[in-house]
């Protein structure tokens, strides 16, 4: 609490351009921290780094990606009380609501992993008109983009 937080692009800690102070809506005397303000170039660099990594991630067998994402869900579940406490202080949610939000995050990741497993990575053999052809549907990534999503609570 109250510390300065850089952001990371491609393993590099960055300060961006200026700092934004975040205070708790529960008690405006509580300084959650100061957070580095990214520039347009920082965002462009982050997108470029993600694009550079995308072939490696996409080239990994879907089973390995599922294994990694299940570990992410497990870590979130293991830290549910700590993460929920941070969320409650940061955005003013009740403990119960914050616990639900954090656990839902882990649950959704697990659900999507389950969908990948049940659908064999979303790779399906399709009908064919001739014995000389083979048709299949294979899910492919859309690519990389940056999103600034709105959030308003309470």
C-alpha atoms as a PDB file:
ATOM      1  CA  UNK A   1       0.000   0.000   0.000  1.00  0.00           C
ATOM      2  CA  UNK A   2       1.169   3.472  -0.828  1.00  0.00           C
ATOM      3  CA  UNK A   3       4.074   2.315  -3.007  1.00  0.00           C
ATOM      4  CA  UNK A   4       5.037   3.348  -6.505  1.00  0.00           C
ATOM      5  CA  UNK A   5       4.240   0.774  -9.176  1.00  0.00           C
ATOM      6  CA  UNK A   6       5.891   0.593 -12.574  1.00  0.00           C
ATOM      7  CA  UNK A   7       4.436  -1.430 -15.399  1.00  0.00           C
ATOM      8  CA  UNK A   8       6.268  -4.110 -17.357  1.00  0.00           C
ATOM      9  CA  UNK A   9       6.620  -4.369 -21.133  1.00  0.00           C
ATOM     10  CA  UNK A  10       8.486  -7.377 -22.512  1.00  0.00           C
ATOM     11  CA  UNK A  11      10.221  -7.964 -19.170  1.00  0.00           C
ATOM     12  CA  UNK A  12      11.291  -4.316 -18.840  1.00  0.00           C
ATOM     13  CA  UNK A  13      10.078  -2.212 -15.897  1.00  0.00           C
ATOM     14  CA  UNK A  14       8.841   1.174 -17.123  1.00  0.00           C
ATOM     15  CA  UNK A  15       7.763   4.441 -15.546  1.00  0.00           C
ATOM     16  CA  UNK A  16       5.856   5.822 -18.505  1.00  0.00           C
ATOM     17  CA  UNK A  17       5.048   9.514 -18.406  1.00  0.00           C
ATOM     18  CA  UNK A  18       3.978  10.664 -14.970  1.00  0.00           C
ATOM     19  CA  UNK A  19       2.202   9.008 -12.096  1.00  0.00           C
ATOM     20  CA  UNK A  20      -1.414   8.661 -11.006  1.00  0.00           C
ATOM     21  CA  UNK A  21      -2.221   8.385  -7.316  1.00  0.00           C
ATOM     22  CA  UNK A  22      -4.977   5.956  -6.406  1.00  0.00           C
ATOM     23  CA  UNK A  23      -6.902   6.339  -3.148  1.00  0.00           C
ATOM     24  CA  UNK A  24      -9.391   3.928  -1.644  1.00  0.00           C
ATOM     25  CA  UNK A  25     -13.074   4.853  -2.014  1.00  0.00           C
ATOM     26  CA  UNK A  26     -13.577   3.303   1.433  1.00  0.00           C
ATOM     27  CA  UNK A  27     -11.298   5.847   3.082  1.00  0.00           C
ATOM     28  CA  UNK A  28      -9.771   8.607   0.956  1.00  0.00           C
ATOM     29  CA  UNK A  29      -6.879   8.846   3.450  1.00  0.00           C
ATOM     30  CA  UNK A  30      -5.684   5.405   2.314  1.00  0.00           C
ATOM     31  CA  UNK A  31      -3.265   5.756  -0.594  1.00  0.00           C
ATOM     32  CA  UNK A  32      -3.360   2.506  -2.523  1.00  0.00           C
ATOM     33  CA  UNK A  33      -0.354   3.533  -4.545  1.00  0.00           C
ATOM     34  CA  UNK A  34       1.096   5.610  -7.325  1.00  0.00           C
ATOM     35  CA  UNK A  35       0.874   3.998 -10.727  1.00  0.00           C
ATOM     36  CA  UNK A  36       2.947   4.789 -13.784  1.00  0.00           C
ATOM     37  CA  UNK A  37       0.993   6.327 -16.656  1.00  0.00           C
ATOM     38  CA  UNK A  38       1.770   4.559 -19.930  1.00  0.00           C
ATOM     39  CA  UNK A  39       2.331   6.520 -23.112  1.00  0.00           C
ATOM     40  CA  UNK A  40       1.010   5.654 -26.545  1.00  0.00           C
ATOM     41  CA  UNK A  41       4.501   4.350 -27.348  1.00  0.00           C
ATOM     42  CA  UNK A  42       4.415   2.101 -24.253  1.00  0.00           C
ATOM     43  CA  UNK A  43       1.128   0.606 -25.453  1.00  0.00           C
ATOM     44  CA  UNK A  44       2.515   0.169 -28.968  1.00  0.00           C
ATOM     45  CA  UNK A  45       5.599  -1.536 -27.505  1.00  0.00           C
ATOM     46  CA  UNK A  46       3.409  -3.859 -25.413  1.00  0.00           C
ATOM     47  CA  UNK A  47       1.346  -4.816 -28.466  1.00  0.00           C
ATOM     48  CA  UNK A  48       4.546  -5.400 -30.470  1.00  0.00           C
ATOM     49  CA  UNK A  49       5.962  -7.613 -27.699  1.00  0.00           C
ATOM     50  CA  UNK A  50       2.730  -9.609 -27.556  1.00  0.00           C
ATOM     51  CA  UNK A  51       2.745  -9.997 -31.349  1.00  0.00           C
ATOM     52  CA  UNK A  52       6.347 -11.213 -31.225  1.00  0.00           C
ATOM     53  CA  UNK A  53       5.407 -13.847 -28.620  1.00  0.00           C
ATOM     54  CA  UNK A  54       2.137 -14.890 -30.283  1.00  0.00           C
ATOM     55  CA  UNK A  55       3.712 -17.436 -32.683  1.00  0.00           C
ATOM     56  CA  UNK A  56       5.414 -19.174 -29.753  1.00  0.00           C
ATOM     57  CA  UNK A  57       2.182 -19.285 -27.729  1.00  0.00           C
ATOM     58  CA  UNK A  58       0.096 -20.290 -30.740  1.00  0.00           C
ATOM     59  CA  UNK A  59       2.642 -22.912 -31.784  1.00  0.00           C
ATOM     60  CA  UNK A  60       2.475 -24.577 -28.383  1.00  0.00           C
ATOM     61  CA  UNK A  61       0.142 -27.591 -28.226  1.00  0.00           C
ATOM     62  CA  UNK A  62      -3.230 -26.547 -26.855  1.00  0.00           C
ATOM     63  CA  UNK A  63      -2.840 -29.094 -24.057  1.00  0.00           C
ATOM     64  CA  UNK A  64       0.255 -27.245 -22.809  1.00  0.00           C
ATOM     65  CA  UNK A  65      -1.556 -23.904 -22.954  1.00  0.00           C
ATOM     66  CA  UNK A  66      -4.416 -25.409 -20.948  1.00  0.00           C
ATOM     67  CA  UNK A  67      -1.927 -26.684 -18.368  1.00  0.00           C
ATOM     68  CA  UNK A  68      -0.470 -23.176 -17.977  1.00  0.00           C
ATOM     69  CA  UNK A  69      -3.900 -21.562 -17.691  1.00  0.00           C
ATOM     70  CA  UNK A  70      -5.045 -24.148 -15.129  1.00  0.00           C
ATOM     71  CA  UNK A  71      -2.013 -23.188 -13.032  1.00  0.00           C
ATOM     72  CA  UNK A  72      -3.071 -19.529 -13.322  1.00  0.00           C
ATOM     73  CA  UNK A  73      -6.556 -20.451 -12.074  1.00  0.00           C
ATOM     74  CA  UNK A  74      -5.051 -22.472  -9.216  1.00  0.00           C
ATOM     75  CA  UNK A  75      -2.827 -19.578  -8.100  1.00  0.00           C
ATOM     76  CA  UNK A  76      -5.803 -17.189  -8.146  1.00  0.00           C
ATOM     77  CA  UNK A  77      -7.837 -19.670  -6.063  1.00  0.00           C
ATOM     78  CA  UNK A  78      -4.970 -20.128  -3.602  1.00  0.00           C
ATOM     79  CA  UNK A  79      -4.764 -16.346  -3.143  1.00  0.00           C
ATOM     80  CA  UNK A  80      -8.506 -15.655  -3.201  1.00  0.00           C
ATOM     81  CA  UNK A  81      -8.682 -14.066   0.272  1.00  0.00           C
ATOM     82  CA  UNK A  82      -5.675 -11.816  -0.267  1.00  0.00           C
ATOM     83  CA  UNK A  83      -6.801 -10.731  -3.740  1.00  0.00           C
ATOM     84  CA  UNK A  84     -10.356 -10.117  -2.509  1.00  0.00           C
ATOM     85  CA  UNK A  85      -9.060  -7.948   0.357  1.00  0.00           C
ATOM     86  CA  UNK A  86      -7.043  -5.883  -2.111  1.00  0.00           C
ATOM     87  CA  UNK A  87     -10.075  -5.549  -4.371  1.00  0.00           C
ATOM     88  CA  UNK A  88     -12.303  -4.453  -1.496  1.00  0.00           C
ATOM     89  CA  UNK A  89      -9.862  -1.710  -0.518  1.00  0.00           C
ATOM     90  CA  UNK A  90      -9.206  -0.647  -4.113  1.00  0.00           C
ATOM     91  CA  UNK A  91     -12.760  -0.398  -5.428  1.00  0.00           C
ATOM     92  CA  UNK A  92     -14.918  -0.369  -2.301  1.00  0.00           C
ATOM     93  CA  UNK A  93     -16.623  -3.718  -2.741  1.00  0.00           C
ATOM     94  CA  UNK A  94     -17.879  -5.703   0.216  1.00  0.00           C
ATOM     95  CA  UNK A  95     -15.733  -8.676   1.235  1.00  0.00           C
ATOM     96  CA  UNK A  96     -18.377 -11.099   0.009  1.00  0.00           C
ATOM     97  CA  UNK A  97     -18.700  -9.426  -3.385  1.00  0.00           C
ATOM     98  CA  UNK A  98     -14.918  -9.195  -3.804  1.00  0.00           C
ATOM     99  CA  UNK A  99     -14.499 -12.883  -2.896  1.00  0.00           C
ATOM    100  CA  UNK A 100     -17.094 -13.782  -5.511  1.00  0.00           C
ATOM    101  CA  UNK A 101     -15.402 -11.704  -8.200  1.00  0.00           C
ATOM    102  CA  UNK A 102     -11.959 -13.174  -7.580  1.00  0.00           C
ATOM    103  CA  UNK A 103     -13.200 -16.762  -7.419  1.00  0.00           C
ATOM    104  CA  UNK A 104     -15.284 -16.196 -10.548  1.00  0.00           C
ATOM    105  CA  UNK A 105     -12.099 -15.231 -12.379  1.00  0.00           C
ATOM    106  CA  UNK A 106     -10.476 -18.554 -11.462  1.00  0.00           C
ATOM    107  CA  UNK A 107     -13.689 -20.427 -12.266  1.00  0.00           C
ATOM    108  CA  UNK A 108     -13.996 -18.855 -15.727  1.00  0.00           C
ATOM    109  CA  UNK A 109     -10.399 -19.709 -16.604  1.00  0.00           C
ATOM    110  CA  UNK A 110     -11.030 -23.298 -15.477  1.00  0.00           C
ATOM    111  CA  UNK A 111     -14.260 -23.410 -17.482  1.00  0.00           C
ATOM    112  CA  UNK A 112     -12.524 -22.278 -20.668  1.00  0.00           C
ATOM    113  CA  UNK A 113      -9.821 -24.895 -20.085  1.00  0.00           C
ATOM    114  CA  UNK A 114     -12.539 -27.517 -19.718  1.00  0.00           C
ATOM    115  CA  UNK A 115     -14.150 -26.340 -22.961  1.00  0.00           C
ATOM    116  CA  UNK A 116     -10.830 -26.752 -24.778  1.00  0.00           C
ATOM    117  CA  UNK A 117     -10.442 -30.283 -23.405  1.00  0.00           C
ATOM    118  CA  UNK A 118     -14.015 -31.344 -24.143  1.00  0.00           C
ATOM    119  CA  UNK A 119     -13.742 -29.951 -27.675  1.00  0.00           C
ATOM    120  CA  UNK A 120     -10.295 -31.419 -28.365  1.00  0.00           C
ATOM    121  CA  UNK A 121      -8.837 -27.962 -28.863  1.00  0.00           C
ATOM    122  CA  UNK A 122     -11.756 -27.000 -31.141  1.00  0.00           C
ATOM    123  CA  UNK A 123     -10.401 -29.041 -34.020  1.00  0.00           C
ATOM    124  CA  UNK A 124     -13.142 -30.970 -35.797  1.00  0.00           C
ATOM    125  CA  UNK A 125     -13.293 -33.279 -38.785  1.00  0.00           C
ATOM    126  CA  UNK A 126     -16.012 -32.127 -41.163  1.00  0.00           C
ATOM    127  CA  UNK A 127     -18.111 -33.859 -43.791  1.00  0.00           C
ATOM    128  CA  UNK A 128     -16.617 -34.424 -47.201  1.00  0.00           C
ATOM    129  CA  UNK A 129     -18.048 -35.029 -50.655  1.00  0.00           C
ATOM    130  CA  UNK A 130     -15.376 -37.399 -51.835  1.00  0.00           C
ATOM    131  CA  UNK A 131     -13.000 -39.938 -50.356  1.00  0.00           C
ATOM    132  CA  UNK A 132     -10.166 -37.887 -51.866  1.00  0.00           C
ATOM    133  CA  UNK A 133     -10.734 -34.892 -49.621  1.00  0.00           C
ATOM    134  CA  UNK A 134     -10.376 -34.176 -45.957  1.00  0.00           C
ATOM    135  CA  UNK A 135     -12.029 -31.164 -44.345  1.00  0.00           C
ATOM    136  CA  UNK A 136     -11.528 -29.951 -40.850  1.00  0.00           C
ATOM    137  CA  UNK A 137     -12.325 -26.887 -38.803  1.00  0.00           C
ATOM    138  CA  UNK A 138      -9.486 -25.522 -36.687  1.00  0.00           C
ATOM    139  CA  UNK A 139      -9.741 -22.604 -34.290  1.00  0.00           C
ATOM    140  CA  UNK A 140      -7.060 -19.974 -34.881  1.00  0.00           C
ATOM    141  CA  UNK A 141      -6.197 -16.930 -32.744  1.00  0.00           C
ATOM    142  CA  UNK A 142      -7.467 -13.524 -33.859  1.00  0.00           C
ATOM    143  CA  UNK A 143      -4.199 -11.834 -32.983  1.00  0.00           C
ATOM    144  CA  UNK A 144      -3.127  -9.140 -30.551  1.00  0.00           C
ATOM    145  CA  UNK A 145      -4.722  -5.810 -29.724  1.00  0.00           C
ATOM    146  CA  UNK A 146      -4.841  -3.356 -26.825  1.00  0.00           C
ATOM    147  CA  UNK A 147      -8.071  -2.741 -24.907  1.00  0.00           C
ATOM    148  CA  UNK A 148      -8.889   0.062 -22.516  1.00  0.00           C
ATOM    149  CA  UNK A 149     -12.020  -1.185 -20.818  1.00  0.00           C
ATOM    150  CA  UNK A 150     -14.314   1.108 -18.821  1.00  0.00           C
ATOM    151  CA  UNK A 151     -14.915   0.294 -15.195  1.00  0.00           C
ATOM    152  CA  UNK A 152     -17.122   2.033 -12.704  1.00  0.00           C
ATOM    153  CA  UNK A 153     -17.731   0.787  -9.177  1.00  0.00           C
ATOM    154  CA  UNK A 154     -19.399   1.723  -6.899  1.00  0.00           C
END
